[in-house]
């Protein structure tokens, strides 16, 4: 049986440092945009670094959104239920991927549909 209080605590513990890192990255990116160096080589390097930070920022936002959604599913009693077929998501899958929203059958079908498209 799923230990929802433990899962909730683990997700909340994972969320806190992500929010802090996200805020620091966003502040850095805002600061950098106003302070590009005059040297074109340095400017290109800074813009390249900013591009990497923006990708990390996007990945961080996606993970934060996934955690927030998982916490909401715990609150509304739908955590561990596949969003596609409404069957239970196996506990082993949730242990490996606590943010999983679909069972393996639905996930496999979705991945196959994207490959064909």
N, C-alpha and C. Protein backbone atom coordinates (compact mmCIF):
# COMPACT_ATOMS: atom_id res chain seq x y z
N UNK A 1 0.84 -1.19 0.00
CA UNK A 1 0.00 0.00 0.00
C UNK A 1 0.89 1.25 0.00
N UNK A 2 0.47 2.25 -0.76
CA UNK A 2 1.23 3.48 -0.85
C UNK A 2 1.25 4.21 0.49
N UNK A 3 2.43 4.67 0.86
CA UNK A 3 2.59 5.46 2.08
C UNK A 3 2.51 6.94 1.68
N UNK A 4 1.28 7.44 1.52
CA UNK A 4 1.08 8.79 1.02
C UNK A 4 1.72 9.88 1.90
N UNK A 5 1.69 9.78 3.23
CA UNK A 5 2.38 10.81 4.02
C UNK A 5 3.89 10.86 3.72
N UNK A 6 4.51 9.70 3.53
CA UNK A 6 5.93 9.67 3.21
C UNK A 6 6.18 10.23 1.81
N UNK A 7 5.34 9.84 0.86
CA UNK A 7 5.48 10.36 -0.50
C UNK A 7 5.33 11.87 -0.51
N UNK A 8 4.32 12.36 0.23
CA UNK A 8 4.09 13.81 0.33
C UNK A 8 5.33 14.50 0.92
N UNK A 9 5.86 13.96 2.00
CA UNK A 9 7.03 14.55 2.64
C UNK A 9 8.24 14.54 1.70
N UNK A 10 8.43 13.43 0.98
CA UNK A 10 9.55 13.34 0.04
C UNK A 10 9.41 14.36 -1.09
N UNK A 11 8.20 14.48 -1.62
CA UNK A 11 7.97 15.45 -2.70
C UNK A 11 8.17 16.88 -2.20
N UNK A 12 7.66 17.17 -1.02
CA UNK A 12 7.82 18.52 -0.46
C UNK A 12 9.30 18.82 -0.21
N UNK A 13 10.04 17.83 0.27
CA UNK A 13 11.48 18.02 0.51
C UNK A 13 12.22 18.24 -0.81
N UNK A 14 11.76 17.60 -1.85
CA UNK A 14 12.38 17.77 -3.18
C UNK A 14 12.01 19.12 -3.79
N UNK A 15 10.83 19.61 -3.48
CA UNK A 15 10.35 20.87 -4.04
C UNK A 15 11.10 22.08 -3.50
N UNK A 16 11.38 22.09 -2.22
CA UNK A 16 11.98 23.26 -1.58
C UNK A 16 13.29 23.71 -2.24
N UNK A 17 14.28 22.82 -2.41
CA UNK A 17 15.52 23.29 -3.05
C UNK A 17 15.33 23.65 -4.52
N UNK A 18 14.38 23.01 -5.19
CA UNK A 18 14.12 23.36 -6.58
C UNK A 18 13.60 24.79 -6.70
N UNK A 19 12.71 25.17 -5.81
CA UNK A 19 12.17 26.53 -5.83
C UNK A 19 13.27 27.55 -5.58
N UNK A 20 14.17 27.24 -4.63
CA UNK A 20 15.28 28.14 -4.36
C UNK A 20 16.22 28.27 -5.55
N UNK A 21 16.56 27.14 -6.17
CA UNK A 21 17.44 27.16 -7.34
C UNK A 21 16.79 27.93 -8.48
N UNK A 22 15.49 27.71 -8.65
CA UNK A 22 14.75 28.38 -9.72
C UNK A 22 14.80 29.91 -9.52
N UNK A 23 14.59 30.34 -8.32
CA UNK A 23 14.61 31.78 -8.04
C UNK A 23 15.99 32.37 -8.30
N UNK A 24 17.04 31.64 -7.91
CA UNK A 24 18.41 32.13 -8.16
C UNK A 24 18.72 32.20 -9.65
N UNK A 25 18.29 31.19 -10.40
CA UNK A 25 18.55 31.20 -11.84
C UNK A 25 17.81 32.36 -12.52
N UNK A 26 16.57 32.56 -12.14
CA UNK A 26 15.79 33.64 -12.75
C UNK A 26 16.41 35.00 -12.42
N UNK A 27 16.85 35.18 -11.19
CA UNK A 27 17.50 36.44 -10.81
C UNK A 27 18.79 36.63 -11.60
N UNK A 28 19.58 35.57 -11.74
CA UNK A 28 20.83 35.65 -12.51
C UNK A 28 20.55 36.02 -13.96
N UNK A 29 19.56 35.37 -14.56
CA UNK A 29 19.23 35.66 -15.96
C UNK A 29 18.75 37.10 -16.14
N UNK A 30 17.94 37.60 -15.23
CA UNK A 30 17.49 38.99 -15.31
C UNK A 30 18.67 39.95 -15.19
N UNK A 31 19.57 39.66 -14.27
CA UNK A 31 20.74 40.51 -14.05
C UNK A 31 21.65 40.48 -15.27
N UNK A 32 21.89 39.29 -15.82
CA UNK A 32 22.79 39.14 -16.96
C UNK A 32 22.29 39.88 -18.20
N UNK A 33 21.00 39.90 -18.41
CA UNK A 33 20.47 40.53 -19.62
C UNK A 33 20.77 42.03 -19.67
N UNK A 34 20.93 42.62 -18.53
CA UNK A 34 21.22 44.05 -18.50
C UNK A 34 22.71 44.36 -18.47
N UNK A 35 23.56 43.36 -18.38
CA UNK A 35 24.99 43.60 -18.19
C UNK A 35 25.86 42.83 -19.18
N UNK A 36 25.51 42.83 -20.45
CA UNK A 36 26.33 42.12 -21.42
C UNK A 36 27.62 42.89 -21.66
N UNK A 37 28.76 42.17 -21.73
CA UNK A 37 30.04 42.83 -21.95
C UNK A 37 30.12 43.44 -23.35
N UNK A 38 31.01 44.43 -23.51
CA UNK A 38 31.21 45.08 -24.81
C UNK A 38 31.97 44.19 -25.78
N UNK A 39 32.87 43.37 -25.26
CA UNK A 39 33.67 42.47 -26.10
C UNK A 39 32.75 41.41 -26.71
N UNK A 40 32.78 41.29 -28.04
CA UNK A 40 31.86 40.37 -28.73
C UNK A 40 32.12 38.91 -28.36
N UNK A 41 33.35 38.53 -28.13
CA UNK A 41 33.67 37.15 -27.76
C UNK A 41 33.08 36.84 -26.39
N UNK A 42 33.29 37.77 -25.45
CA UNK A 42 32.73 37.58 -24.12
C UNK A 42 31.20 37.59 -24.16
N UNK A 43 30.67 38.47 -24.99
CA UNK A 43 29.21 38.56 -25.12
C UNK A 43 28.64 37.24 -25.64
N UNK A 44 29.27 36.65 -26.65
CA UNK A 44 28.82 35.37 -27.21
C UNK A 44 28.88 34.28 -26.14
N UNK A 45 29.95 34.30 -25.35
CA UNK A 45 30.10 33.31 -24.29
C UNK A 45 29.00 33.48 -23.24
N UNK A 46 28.73 34.70 -22.84
CA UNK A 46 27.68 34.97 -21.86
C UNK A 46 26.31 34.54 -22.38
N UNK A 47 26.05 34.84 -23.67
CA UNK A 47 24.76 34.46 -24.24
C UNK A 47 24.63 32.94 -24.32
N UNK A 48 25.73 32.25 -24.62
CA UNK A 48 25.72 30.79 -24.63
C UNK A 48 25.43 30.24 -23.25
N UNK A 49 26.06 30.83 -22.23
CA UNK A 49 25.81 30.41 -20.85
C UNK A 49 24.36 30.65 -20.47
N UNK A 50 23.82 31.79 -20.90
CA UNK A 50 22.43 32.11 -20.59
C UNK A 50 21.49 31.10 -21.25
N UNK A 51 21.84 30.65 -22.45
CA UNK A 51 21.00 29.67 -23.14
C UNK A 51 20.94 28.36 -22.35
N UNK A 52 22.09 27.95 -21.81
CA UNK A 52 22.12 26.73 -20.99
C UNK A 52 21.29 26.94 -19.72
N UNK A 53 21.44 28.10 -19.09
CA UNK A 53 20.65 28.39 -17.89
C UNK A 53 19.16 28.41 -18.20
N UNK A 54 18.78 28.94 -19.35
CA UNK A 54 17.37 28.97 -19.71
C UNK A 54 16.82 27.57 -19.90
N UNK A 55 17.62 26.66 -20.46
CA UNK A 55 17.18 25.27 -20.61
C UNK A 55 17.04 24.61 -19.24
N UNK A 56 18.00 24.88 -18.35
CA UNK A 56 17.89 24.35 -16.99
C UNK A 56 16.69 24.93 -16.28
N UNK A 57 16.43 26.21 -16.51
CA UNK A 57 15.29 26.89 -15.92
C UNK A 57 13.99 26.22 -16.39
N UNK A 58 13.92 25.91 -17.67
CA UNK A 58 12.73 25.25 -18.22
C UNK A 58 12.54 23.86 -17.62
N UNK A 59 13.64 23.11 -17.51
CA UNK A 59 13.56 21.76 -16.92
C UNK A 59 13.16 21.86 -15.46
N UNK A 60 13.69 22.84 -14.75
CA UNK A 60 13.33 23.03 -13.34
C UNK A 60 11.86 23.37 -13.19
N UNK A 61 11.36 24.23 -14.07
CA UNK A 61 9.93 24.59 -14.02
C UNK A 61 9.05 23.37 -14.25
N UNK A 62 9.46 22.51 -15.19
CA UNK A 62 8.69 21.31 -15.49
C UNK A 62 8.68 20.37 -14.28
N UNK A 63 9.83 20.23 -13.62
CA UNK A 63 9.88 19.35 -12.45
C UNK A 63 9.04 19.92 -11.31
N UNK A 64 9.13 21.23 -11.11
CA UNK A 64 8.32 21.87 -10.06
C UNK A 64 6.83 21.66 -10.35
N UNK A 65 6.43 21.85 -11.61
CA UNK A 65 5.03 21.66 -11.98
C UNK A 65 4.60 20.22 -11.74
N UNK A 66 5.47 19.27 -12.04
CA UNK A 66 5.16 17.86 -11.80
C UNK A 66 4.97 17.55 -10.33
N UNK A 67 5.83 18.12 -9.51
CA UNK A 67 5.73 17.90 -8.06
C UNK A 67 4.45 18.53 -7.51
N UNK A 68 4.18 19.75 -7.91
CA UNK A 68 2.97 20.44 -7.46
C UNK A 68 1.73 19.65 -7.89
N UNK A 69 1.74 19.14 -9.11
CA UNK A 69 0.60 18.34 -9.60
C UNK A 69 0.47 17.04 -8.80
N UNK A 70 1.60 16.40 -8.49
CA UNK A 70 1.55 15.16 -7.70
C UNK A 70 1.00 15.44 -6.31
N UNK A 71 1.42 16.53 -5.70
CA UNK A 71 0.89 16.91 -4.38
C UNK A 71 -0.61 17.16 -4.45
N UNK A 72 -1.06 17.79 -5.53
CA UNK A 72 -2.50 18.04 -5.70
C UNK A 72 -3.25 16.73 -5.87
N UNK A 73 -2.65 15.76 -6.60
CA UNK A 73 -3.31 14.46 -6.76
C UNK A 73 -3.38 13.72 -5.43
N UNK A 74 -2.34 13.88 -4.59
CA UNK A 74 -2.41 13.27 -3.25
C UNK A 74 -3.57 13.89 -2.48
N UNK A 75 -3.68 15.22 -2.54
CA UNK A 75 -4.74 15.93 -1.82
C UNK A 75 -6.14 15.54 -2.28
N UNK A 76 -6.30 15.36 -3.60
CA UNK A 76 -7.66 15.07 -4.09
C UNK A 76 -7.95 13.57 -4.22
N UNK A 77 -6.98 12.75 -3.80
CA UNK A 77 -7.22 11.31 -3.76
C UNK A 77 -7.01 10.58 -5.08
N UNK A 78 -6.43 11.25 -6.08
CA UNK A 78 -6.23 10.60 -7.37
C UNK A 78 -4.79 10.15 -7.60
N UNK A 79 -3.90 10.39 -6.63
CA UNK A 79 -2.51 9.96 -6.79
C UNK A 79 -2.48 8.44 -6.92
N UNK A 80 -1.74 7.96 -7.90
CA UNK A 80 -1.64 6.52 -8.10
C UNK A 80 -2.70 5.96 -9.02
N UNK A 81 -3.52 6.84 -9.61
CA UNK A 81 -4.52 6.43 -10.58
C UNK A 81 -4.10 6.96 -11.94
N UNK A 82 -4.08 6.10 -12.94
CA UNK A 82 -3.69 6.49 -14.29
C UNK A 82 -4.65 7.55 -14.82
N UNK A 83 -4.10 8.62 -15.36
CA UNK A 83 -4.93 9.71 -15.89
C UNK A 83 -5.60 9.34 -17.20
N UNK A 84 -5.16 8.25 -17.84
CA UNK A 84 -5.75 7.83 -19.11
C UNK A 84 -6.84 6.79 -18.92
N UNK A 85 -6.49 5.66 -18.30
CA UNK A 85 -7.43 4.54 -18.20
C UNK A 85 -8.09 4.43 -16.83
N UNK A 86 -7.65 5.25 -15.88
CA UNK A 86 -8.19 5.31 -14.52
C UNK A 86 -7.93 4.03 -13.70
N UNK A 87 -7.02 3.20 -14.18
CA UNK A 87 -6.59 2.02 -13.44
C UNK A 87 -5.47 2.42 -12.49
N UNK A 88 -5.21 1.63 -11.45
CA UNK A 88 -4.11 1.95 -10.54
C UNK A 88 -2.75 1.90 -11.26
N UNK A 89 -1.90 2.86 -10.93
CA UNK A 89 -0.51 2.83 -11.39
C UNK A 89 0.24 1.92 -10.43
N UNK A 90 0.98 0.94 -10.93
CA UNK A 90 1.68 0.03 -10.03
C UNK A 90 2.60 0.76 -9.04
N UNK A 91 2.60 0.27 -7.81
CA UNK A 91 3.41 0.90 -6.77
C UNK A 91 4.88 0.95 -7.15
N UNK A 92 5.38 -0.10 -7.80
CA UNK A 92 6.79 -0.11 -8.20
C UNK A 92 7.09 1.05 -9.15
N UNK A 93 6.16 1.36 -10.03
CA UNK A 93 6.36 2.49 -10.95
C UNK A 93 6.38 3.81 -10.18
N UNK A 94 5.46 3.95 -9.23
CA UNK A 94 5.42 5.18 -8.44
C UNK A 94 6.65 5.32 -7.53
N UNK A 95 7.18 4.20 -7.07
CA UNK A 95 8.40 4.26 -6.26
C UNK A 95 9.56 4.73 -7.12
N UNK A 96 9.62 4.26 -8.37
CA UNK A 96 10.70 4.66 -9.27
C UNK A 96 10.48 6.07 -9.82
N UNK A 97 9.23 6.40 -10.13
CA UNK A 97 8.87 7.69 -10.72
C UNK A 97 7.69 8.28 -9.96
N UNK A 98 7.93 8.93 -8.84
CA UNK A 98 6.82 9.44 -8.02
C UNK A 98 5.92 10.44 -8.74
N UNK A 99 6.40 11.02 -9.85
CA UNK A 99 5.59 11.98 -10.59
C UNK A 99 4.79 11.33 -11.71
N UNK A 100 4.89 10.00 -11.85
CA UNK A 100 4.19 9.30 -12.93
C UNK A 100 2.68 9.53 -12.83
N UNK A 101 2.08 9.79 -13.99
CA UNK A 101 0.63 10.01 -14.04
C UNK A 101 -0.09 8.91 -14.80
N UNK A 102 0.67 8.03 -15.45
CA UNK A 102 0.06 6.97 -16.25
C UNK A 102 0.65 5.62 -15.91
N UNK A 103 -0.16 4.58 -16.12
CA UNK A 103 0.33 3.21 -15.97
C UNK A 103 1.27 2.91 -17.14
N UNK A 104 1.98 1.81 -17.07
CA UNK A 104 2.93 1.47 -18.12
C UNK A 104 2.25 1.23 -19.46
N UNK A 105 1.09 0.61 -19.47
CA UNK A 105 0.39 0.37 -20.74
C UNK A 105 0.06 1.68 -21.43
N UNK A 106 -0.50 2.63 -20.71
CA UNK A 106 -0.86 3.92 -21.31
C UNK A 106 0.39 4.72 -21.69
N UNK A 107 1.41 4.66 -20.86
CA UNK A 107 2.66 5.36 -21.16
C UNK A 107 3.29 4.79 -22.42
N UNK A 108 3.33 3.47 -22.53
CA UNK A 108 3.90 2.82 -23.72
C UNK A 108 3.10 3.18 -24.96
N UNK A 109 1.78 3.19 -24.85
CA UNK A 109 0.94 3.54 -25.99
C UNK A 109 1.21 4.98 -26.41
N UNK A 110 1.32 5.89 -25.45
CA UNK A 110 1.57 7.32 -25.76
C UNK A 110 2.92 7.50 -26.44
N UNK A 111 3.94 6.83 -25.93
CA UNK A 111 5.27 6.92 -26.54
C UNK A 111 5.24 6.38 -27.95
N UNK A 112 4.55 5.27 -28.18
CA UNK A 112 4.44 4.70 -29.51
C UNK A 112 3.69 5.62 -30.46
N UNK A 113 2.66 6.29 -29.96
CA UNK A 113 1.88 7.21 -30.79
C UNK A 113 2.75 8.38 -31.23
N UNK A 114 3.62 8.88 -30.34
CA UNK A 114 4.49 10.00 -30.70
C UNK A 114 5.54 9.58 -31.71
N UNK A 115 6.00 8.34 -31.61
CA UNK A 115 7.01 7.86 -32.57
C UNK A 115 6.40 7.72 -33.97
N UNK A 116 5.13 7.34 -34.03
CA UNK A 116 4.48 7.16 -35.32
C UNK A 116 4.08 8.51 -35.94
N UNK A 117 3.84 9.48 -35.11
CA UNK A 117 3.37 10.79 -35.62
C UNK A 117 4.45 11.58 -36.30
